[in-house]
Amino acid sequence: MFRKTPICLLLTFMLGATAISAQAQSKYGHMNLGNMLENMPDTKKANMSLKVFADSLGVKDSIMTKAFQEEVGKYQADYQAGKLTPVQAQQTEAELQKKQEEIQKFEQQAQQMVAAKREELLKPILQRVEDAVKAVANESGYLMIFDTSSGAMLFASESDDITALVKKKLGM
């Protein structure tokens, strides 16, 4: 029994040394993903394309709204001049209400279309950045890489800023 104790102590010491060695070799990195994306030429191109797309939908909305306002103005003028019977006024009001609902529906659809277009344009860019971050992590032996733009990291001890490495990997 006396002989087993030194062996147990030796094994405990070796396991402890291995754990300490493994902790000492762990590398952590950080970068600001938001700033990275903002400064990428591909993101700037995507944002310009998105603006053109959104502006085209805005023009259509403006045309629909202007036509609606003109019809409302005509209706009000005809109603005040007494040119409409109560039944005609009711029918015109129902038509105007339907057109107003169509405009609102279009505006909601336009917002959804812009959001879908944004995702379509940014998805490949985000994938490139993710691939570059993973490659840097693997090549440089990083255990974890944190995104400082999310605001989740309050403190990081011995963390390397890998922004330059990711930019290099992306050819920036």
C-alpha atoms as a PDB file:
ATOM      1  CA  MET A   1       0.000   0.000   0.000  1.00  0.00           C
ATOM      2  CA  PHE A   2       2.926   2.300   0.688  1.00  0.00           C
ATOM      3  CA  ARG A   3       4.187   1.821  -2.882  1.00  0.00           C
ATOM      4  CA  LYS A   4       0.848   2.770  -4.470  1.00  0.00           C
ATOM      5  CA  THR A   5       0.792   6.173  -2.797  1.00  0.00           C
ATOM      6  CA  PRO A   6       3.924   7.502  -4.564  1.00  0.00           C
ATOM      7  CA  ILE A   7       2.561   6.246  -7.886  1.00  0.00           C
ATOM      8  CA  CYS A   8      -0.787   7.969  -7.239  1.00  0.00           C
ATOM      9  CA  LEU A   9       1.037  11.172  -6.360  1.00  0.00           C
ATOM     10  CA  LEU A  10       3.141  10.923  -9.476  1.00  0.00           C
ATOM     11  CA  LEU A  11       0.059  10.340 -11.661  1.00  0.00           C
ATOM     12  CA  THR A  12      -1.756  13.249  -9.997  1.00  0.00           C
ATOM     13  CA  PHE A  13       1.236  15.505 -10.567  1.00  0.00           C
ATOM     14  CA  MET A  14       1.486  14.465 -14.232  1.00  0.00           C
ATOM     15  CA  LEU A  15      -2.246  15.011 -14.831  1.00  0.00           C
ATOM     16  CA  GLY A  16      -2.056  18.417 -13.147  1.00  0.00           C
ATOM     17  CA  ALA A  17       0.968  19.407 -15.213  1.00  0.00           C
ATOM     18  CA  THR A  18      -0.795  18.287 -18.387  1.00  0.00           C
ATOM     19  CA  ALA A  19      -3.900  20.325 -17.495  1.00  0.00           C
ATOM     20  CA  ILE A  20      -1.805  23.410 -16.720  1.00  0.00           C
ATOM     21  CA  SER A  21       0.121  22.931 -19.962  1.00  0.00           C
ATOM     22  CA  ALA A  22      -3.129  22.601 -21.934  1.00  0.00           C
ATOM     23  CA  GLN A  23      -4.490  25.783 -20.355  1.00  0.00           C
ATOM     24  CA  ALA A  24      -1.291  27.669 -21.099  1.00  0.00           C
ATOM     25  CA  GLN A  25      -1.533  26.704 -24.783  1.00  0.00           C
ATOM     26  CA  SER A  26      -5.141  27.858 -25.204  1.00  0.00           C
ATOM     27  CA  LYS A  27      -5.336  30.950 -27.373  1.00  0.00           C
ATOM     28  CA  TYR A  28      -8.298  33.275 -27.580  1.00  0.00           C
ATOM     29  CA  GLY A  29      -8.968  35.898 -30.187  1.00  0.00           C
ATOM     30  CA  HIS A  30     -11.395  38.708 -30.781  1.00  0.00           C
ATOM     31  CA  MET A  31     -12.522  40.969 -33.578  1.00  0.00           C
ATOM     32  CA  ASN A  32     -15.268  43.484 -34.296  1.00  0.00           C
ATOM     33  CA  LEU A  33     -17.415  41.785 -36.921  1.00  0.00           C
ATOM     34  CA  GLY A  34     -19.579  44.872 -37.429  1.00  0.00           C
ATOM     35  CA  ASN A  35     -16.596  47.059 -38.288  1.00  0.00           C
ATOM     36  CA  MET A  36     -15.164  44.337 -40.514  1.00  0.00           C
ATOM     37  CA  LEU A  37     -18.385  44.051 -42.497  1.00  0.00           C
ATOM     38  CA  GLU A  38     -18.801  47.818 -42.724  1.00  0.00           C
ATOM     39  CA  ASN A  39     -15.345  48.231 -44.251  1.00  0.00           C
ATOM     40  CA  MET A  40     -15.609  45.413 -46.774  1.00  0.00           C
ATOM     41  CA  PRO A  41     -16.009  46.486 -50.424  1.00  0.00           C
ATOM     42  CA  ASP A  42     -18.513  43.666 -50.988  1.00  0.00           C
ATOM     43  CA  THR A  43     -20.718  45.014 -48.207  1.00  0.00           C
ATOM     44  CA  LYS A  44     -20.606  48.493 -49.677  1.00  0.00           C
ATOM     45  CA  LYS A  45     -21.664  47.092 -53.077  1.00  0.00           C
ATOM     46  CA  ALA A  46     -24.445  45.085 -51.447  1.00  0.00           C
ATOM     47  CA  ASN A  47     -25.692  48.161 -49.605  1.00  0.00           C
ATOM     48  CA  MET A  48     -25.741  50.160 -52.836  1.00  0.00           C
ATOM     49  CA  SER A  49     -27.703  47.399 -54.600  1.00  0.00           C
ATOM     50  CA  LEU A  50     -30.094  47.248 -51.671  1.00  0.00           C
ATOM     51  CA  LYS A  51     -30.595  51.021 -51.785  1.00  0.00           C
ATOM     52  CA  VAL A  52     -31.403  50.916 -55.514  1.00  0.00           C
ATOM     53  CA  PHE A  53     -33.875  48.073 -54.887  1.00  0.00           C
ATOM     54  CA  ALA A  54     -35.525  49.864 -51.947  1.00  0.00           C
ATOM     55  CA  ASP A  55     -35.672  53.138 -53.882  1.00  0.00           C
ATOM     56  CA  SER A  56     -37.458  51.433 -56.789  1.00  0.00           C
ATOM     57  CA  LEU A  57     -40.079  50.115 -54.376  1.00  0.00           C
ATOM     58  CA  GLY A  58     -40.314  53.584 -52.833  1.00  0.00           C
ATOM     59  CA  VAL A  59     -41.015  55.117 -56.250  1.00  0.00           C
ATOM     60  CA  LYS A  60     -43.834  52.653 -56.835  1.00  0.00           C
ATOM     61  CA  ASP A  61     -45.242  53.440 -53.376  1.00  0.00           C
ATOM     62  CA  SER A  62     -45.056  57.171 -54.086  1.00  0.00           C
ATOM     63  CA  ILE A  63     -46.897  56.766 -57.389  1.00  0.00           C
ATOM     64  CA  MET A  64     -49.628  54.695 -55.735  1.00  0.00           C
ATOM     65  CA  THR A  65     -49.947  57.174 -52.856  1.00  0.00           C
ATOM     66  CA  LYS A  66     -50.090  60.211 -55.157  1.00  0.00           C
ATOM     67  CA  ALA A  67     -52.811  58.612 -57.318  1.00  0.00           C
ATOM     68  CA  PHE A  68     -54.767  57.751 -54.170  1.00  0.00           C
ATOM     69  CA  GLN A  69     -54.480  61.298 -52.829  1.00  0.00           C
ATOM     70  CA  GLU A  70     -55.701  62.679 -56.170  1.00  0.00           C
ATOM     71  CA  GLU A  71     -58.722  60.375 -56.072  1.00  0.00           C
ATOM     72  CA  VAL A  72     -59.475  61.414 -52.480  1.00  0.00           C
ATOM     73  CA  GLY A  73     -59.228  65.080 -53.507  1.00  0.00           C
ATOM     74  CA  LYS A  74     -61.584  64.528 -56.449  1.00  0.00           C
ATOM     75  CA  TYR A  75     -64.013  62.652 -54.216  1.00  0.00           C
ATOM     76  CA  GLN A  76     -64.001  65.434 -51.595  1.00  0.00           C
ATOM     77  CA  ALA A  77     -64.529  68.096 -54.243  1.00  0.00           C
ATOM     78  CA  ASP A  78     -67.398  66.172 -55.875  1.00  0.00           C
ATOM     79  CA  TYR A  79     -68.974  65.427 -52.486  1.00  0.00           C
ATOM     80  CA  GLN A  80     -68.811  69.054 -51.335  1.00  0.00           C
ATOM     81  CA  ALA A  81     -70.193  70.248 -54.667  1.00  0.00           C
ATOM     82  CA  GLY A  82     -73.149  67.888 -54.226  1.00  0.00           C
ATOM     83  CA  LYS A  83     -72.350  65.935 -57.395  1.00  0.00           C
ATOM     84  CA  LEU A  84     -72.632  62.543 -55.641  1.00  0.00           C
ATOM     85  CA  THR A  85     -75.701  60.777 -54.373  1.00  0.00           C
ATOM     86  CA  PRO A  86     -75.385  59.119 -50.966  1.00  0.00           C
ATOM     87  CA  VAL A  87     -75.072  55.723 -52.676  1.00  0.00           C
ATOM     88  CA  GLN A  88     -72.331  56.986 -55.019  1.00  0.00           C
ATOM     89  CA  ALA A  89     -70.497  58.554 -52.067  1.00  0.00           C
ATOM     90  CA  GLN A  90     -70.667  55.270 -50.181  1.00  0.00           C
ATOM     91  CA  GLN A  91     -69.382  53.305 -53.181  1.00  0.00           C
ATOM     92  CA  THR A  92     -66.540  55.766 -53.751  1.00  0.00           C
ATOM     93  CA  GLU A  93     -65.573  55.649 -50.071  1.00  0.00           C
ATOM     94  CA  ALA A  94     -65.508  51.833 -50.205  1.00  0.00           C
ATOM     95  CA  GLU A  95     -63.285  51.938 -53.317  1.00  0.00           C
ATOM     96  CA  LEU A  96     -60.961  54.452 -51.668  1.00  0.00           C
ATOM     97  CA  GLN A  97     -60.767  52.324 -48.523  1.00  0.00           C
ATOM     98  CA  LYS A  98     -59.864  49.289 -50.659  1.00  0.00           C
ATOM     99  CA  LYS A  99     -57.128  51.268 -52.458  1.00  0.00           C
ATOM    100  CA  GLN A 100     -55.745  52.512 -49.142  1.00  0.00           C
ATOM    101  CA  GLU A 101     -55.577  48.903 -47.878  1.00  0.00           C
ATOM    102  CA  GLU A 102     -53.786  47.880 -51.093  1.00  0.00           C
ATOM    103  CA  ILE A 103     -51.188  50.598 -50.528  1.00  0.00           C
ATOM    104  CA  GLN A 104     -50.669  49.473 -46.928  1.00  0.00           C
ATOM    105  CA  LYS A 105     -50.343  45.849 -48.086  1.00  0.00           C
ATOM    106  CA  PHE A 106     -47.787  46.875 -50.706  1.00  0.00           C
ATOM    107  CA  GLU A 107     -45.774  48.808 -48.099  1.00  0.00           C
ATOM    108  CA  GLN A 108     -45.689  45.747 -45.819  1.00  0.00           C
ATOM    109  CA  GLN A 109     -44.670  43.517 -48.721  1.00  0.00           C
ATOM    110  CA  ALA A 110     -41.995  46.026 -49.742  1.00  0.00           C
ATOM    111  CA  GLN A 111     -40.498  45.922 -46.238  1.00  0.00           C
ATOM    112  CA  GLN A 112     -40.421  42.132 -46.388  1.00  0.00           C
ATOM    113  CA  MET A 113     -38.900  42.216 -49.864  1.00  0.00           C
ATOM    114  CA  VAL A 114     -36.157  44.604 -48.721  1.00  0.00           C
ATOM    115  CA  ALA A 115     -35.383  42.389 -45.726  1.00  0.00           C
ATOM    116  CA  ALA A 116     -35.222  39.295 -47.955  1.00  0.00           C
ATOM    117  CA  LYS A 117     -33.001  41.118 -50.460  1.00  0.00           C
ATOM    118  CA  ARG A 118     -30.691  42.265 -47.625  1.00  0.00           C
ATOM    119  CA  GLU A 119     -30.343  38.675 -46.436  1.00  0.00           C
ATOM    120  CA  GLU A 120     -29.755  37.448 -50.000  1.00  0.00           C
ATOM    121  CA  LEU A 121     -27.001  40.016 -50.570  1.00  0.00           C
ATOM    122  CA  LEU A 122     -25.272  39.700 -47.180  1.00  0.00           C
ATOM    123  CA  LYS A 123     -25.415  35.911 -46.752  1.00  0.00           C
ATOM    124  CA  PRO A 124     -22.463  35.138 -49.073  1.00  0.00           C
ATOM    125  CA  ILE A 125     -20.426  37.957 -47.534  1.00  0.00           C
ATOM    126  CA  LEU A 126     -21.071  36.688 -44.021  1.00  0.00           C
ATOM    127  CA  GLN A 127     -20.168  33.167 -45.161  1.00  0.00           C
ATOM    128  CA  ARG A 128     -16.826  34.401 -46.570  1.00  0.00           C
ATOM    129  CA  VAL A 129     -16.022  36.153 -43.292  1.00  0.00           C
ATOM    130  CA  GLU A 130     -17.036  33.102 -41.262  1.00  0.00           C
ATOM    131  CA  ASP A 131     -14.853  30.867 -43.429  1.00  0.00           C
ATOM    132  CA  ALA A 132     -11.923  33.285 -43.034  1.00  0.00           C
ATOM    133  CA  VAL A 133     -12.353  33.422 -39.250  1.00  0.00           C
ATOM    134  CA  LYS A 134     -12.454  29.621 -39.057  1.00  0.00           C
ATOM    135  CA  ALA A 135      -9.345  29.352 -41.236  1.00  0.00           C
ATOM    136  CA  VAL A 136      -7.459  31.869 -39.071  1.00  0.00           C
ATOM    137  CA  ALA A 137      -8.572  30.018 -35.937  1.00  0.00           C
ATOM    138  CA  ASN A 138      -7.387  26.675 -37.299  1.00  0.00           C
ATOM    139  CA  GLU A 139      -4.129  27.973 -38.747  1.00  0.00           C
ATOM    140  CA  SER A 140      -3.197  30.004 -35.683  1.00  0.00           C
ATOM    141  CA  GLY A 141      -4.478  27.617 -33.012  1.00  0.00           C
ATOM    142  CA  TYR A 142      -7.228  29.757 -31.522  1.00  0.00           C
ATOM    143  CA  LEU A 143      -9.602  27.902 -29.239  1.00  0.00           C
ATOM    144  CA  MET A 144     -12.260  30.634 -29.335  1.00  0.00           C
ATOM    145  CA  ILE A 145     -12.771  33.895 -31.178  1.00  0.00           C
ATOM    146  CA  PHE A 146     -15.152  36.496 -29.812  1.00  0.00           C
ATOM    147  CA  ASP A 147     -17.128  39.161 -31.666  1.00  0.00           C
ATOM    148  CA  THR A 148     -16.716  42.422 -29.771  1.00  0.00           C
ATOM    149  CA  SER A 149     -19.428  44.168 -31.814  1.00  0.00           C
ATOM    150  CA  SER A 150     -22.157  42.066 -30.187  1.00  0.00           C
ATOM    151  CA  GLY A 151     -21.420  43.663 -26.845  1.00  0.00           C
ATOM    152  CA  ALA A 152     -21.452  40.306 -25.105  1.00  0.00           C
ATOM    153  CA  MET A 153     -17.784  40.291 -24.087  1.00  0.00           C
ATOM    154  CA  LEU A 154     -17.146  42.380 -21.007  1.00  0.00           C
ATOM    155  CA  PHE A 155     -13.635  41.170 -20.313  1.00  0.00           C
ATOM    156  CA  ALA A 156     -11.101  39.027 -22.105  1.00  0.00           C
ATOM    157  CA  SER A 157      -7.768  38.096 -20.639  1.00  0.00           C
ATOM    158  CA  GLU A 158      -4.975  37.298 -23.058  1.00  0.00           C
ATOM    159  CA  SER A 159      -7.091  37.653 -26.172  1.00  0.00           C
ATOM    160  CA  ASP A 160      -5.535  38.552 -29.530  1.00  0.00           C
ATOM    161  CA  ASP A 161      -7.164  40.916 -32.003  1.00  0.00           C
ATOM    162  CA  ILE A 162      -7.336  38.793 -35.162  1.00  0.00           C
ATOM    163  CA  THR A 163      -8.821  41.476 -37.405  1.00  0.00           C
ATOM    164  CA  ALA A 164      -5.622  41.881 -39.429  1.00  0.00           C
ATOM    165  CA  LEU A 165      -5.348  38.120 -39.939  1.00  0.00           C
ATOM    166  CA  VAL A 166      -8.957  37.870 -41.145  1.00  0.00           C
ATOM    167  CA  LYS A 167      -8.507  40.873 -43.448  1.00  0.00           C
ATOM    168  CA  LYS A 168      -5.430  39.221 -44.916  1.00  0.00           C
ATOM    169  CA  LYS A 169      -7.362  35.975 -45.406  1.00  0.00           C
ATOM    170  CA  LEU A 170     -10.123  37.945 -47.181  1.00  0.00           C
ATOM    171  CA  GLY A 171      -7.571  39.746 -49.369  1.00  0.00           C
ATOM    172  CA  MET A 172      -8.315  43.165 -47.899  1.00  0.00           C
END
